[in-house]
Amino acid sequence: MRIRLLFFAFYRDLAGVDSLDLDLPEGTTARQAVDRVRAHGNGTSRLPAEPAVAVNQEIAGLETVLNEGDEVALLPPVAGG
């Protein structure tokens, strides 16, 4: 199955791209998708192991099972004041 991973703010800087399409086996979780991207070795290896994620624009847990065509956004931490 194919999913799209979206990077924002600092995560985009680490990845060097706004998004990345991944071909993954059926039954893959959001955590496994993050692990796969972190394993690439370039700046993505500095992504946190457990980032906040949204699947199809809804906050989701890392154990969420992904489906064909899903869009997974890695949500960087925010600071306020």
Protein backbone atom coordinates (compact mmCIF):
# COMPACT_ATOMS: atom_id res chain seq x y z
CA MET A 1 0.00 0.00 0.00
CA ARG A 2 1.10 3.58 -0.52
CA ILE A 3 0.82 6.34 2.08
CA ARG A 4 2.03 9.93 2.20
CA LEU A 5 4.05 11.18 5.15
CA LEU A 6 3.92 14.95 5.76
CA PHE A 7 6.61 16.96 7.54
CA PHE A 8 6.12 20.38 9.14
CA ALA A 9 8.41 23.03 10.66
CA PHE A 10 11.58 21.52 12.19
CA TYR A 11 10.67 18.05 10.95
CA ARG A 12 10.55 19.40 7.39
CA ASP A 13 14.02 20.85 7.91
CA LEU A 14 15.33 17.47 9.07
CA ALA A 15 13.71 15.56 6.19
CA GLY A 16 14.60 18.14 3.54
CA VAL A 17 11.17 17.68 1.93
CA ASP A 18 7.54 18.58 2.65
CA SER A 19 6.27 15.06 2.06
CA LEU A 20 7.38 11.56 1.24
CA ASP A 21 5.42 8.74 -0.39
CA LEU A 22 6.07 5.32 1.14
CA ASP A 23 5.20 1.85 -0.10
CA LEU A 24 4.43 -0.24 2.98
CA PRO A 25 2.94 -3.67 3.65
CA GLU A 26 -0.71 -3.96 4.63
CA GLY A 27 -1.18 -3.73 8.38
CA THR A 28 1.64 -1.24 8.93
CA THR A 29 1.16 1.09 11.90
CA ALA A 30 2.02 4.77 12.07
CA ARG A 31 4.91 3.84 14.41
CA GLN A 32 6.32 1.43 11.83
CA ALA A 33 6.08 4.10 9.12
CA VAL A 34 8.01 6.54 11.34
CA ASP A 35 10.60 3.85 12.11
CA ARG A 36 11.10 3.19 8.42
CA VAL A 37 11.68 6.86 7.66
CA ARG A 38 14.05 7.24 10.61
CA ALA A 39 16.06 4.26 9.30
CA HIS A 40 16.89 6.11 6.06
CA GLY A 41 19.84 7.62 7.89
CA ASN A 42 19.97 11.19 6.59
CA GLY A 43 18.34 13.99 8.62
CA THR A 44 15.30 11.82 9.17
CA SER A 45 17.29 9.71 11.62
CA ARG A 46 17.02 12.69 13.99
CA LEU A 47 13.21 12.57 13.99
CA PRO A 48 11.87 11.52 17.40
CA ALA A 49 10.96 7.85 17.81
CA GLU A 50 7.51 8.77 19.11
CA PRO A 51 6.27 11.98 17.47
CA ALA A 52 2.70 13.14 17.68
CA VAL A 53 0.89 12.12 14.49
CA ALA A 54 -2.31 12.83 12.64
CA VAL A 55 -3.80 10.38 10.18
CA ASN A 56 -6.02 11.94 7.54
CA GLN A 57 -6.07 15.22 9.48
CA GLU A 58 -7.16 13.66 12.79
CA ILE A 59 -4.88 13.22 15.80
CA ALA A 60 -4.03 9.53 16.07
CA GLY A 61 -1.89 7.17 18.12
CA LEU A 62 1.25 5.57 16.82
CA GLU A 63 -0.43 2.15 16.94
CA THR A 64 -3.02 3.26 14.36
CA VAL A 65 -3.07 0.80 11.46
CA LEU A 66 -2.67 2.61 8.16
CA ASN A 67 -4.63 2.03 4.97
CA GLU A 68 -3.96 2.62 1.29
CA GLY A 69 -3.87 6.33 0.51
CA ASP A 70 -3.62 7.52 4.11
CA GLU A 71 -1.88 10.79 4.84
CA VAL A 72 0.23 10.75 8.00
CA ALA A 73 1.42 14.08 9.38
CA LEU A 74 4.28 14.24 11.87
CA LEU A 75 3.37 17.02 14.27
CA PRO A 76 6.32 18.87 15.79
CA PRO A 77 6.13 20.15 19.34
CA VAL A 78 4.92 23.70 19.75
CA ALA A 79 5.91 26.34 22.23
CA GLY A 80 3.77 29.15 23.42
CA GLY A 81 4.04 32.09 25.62
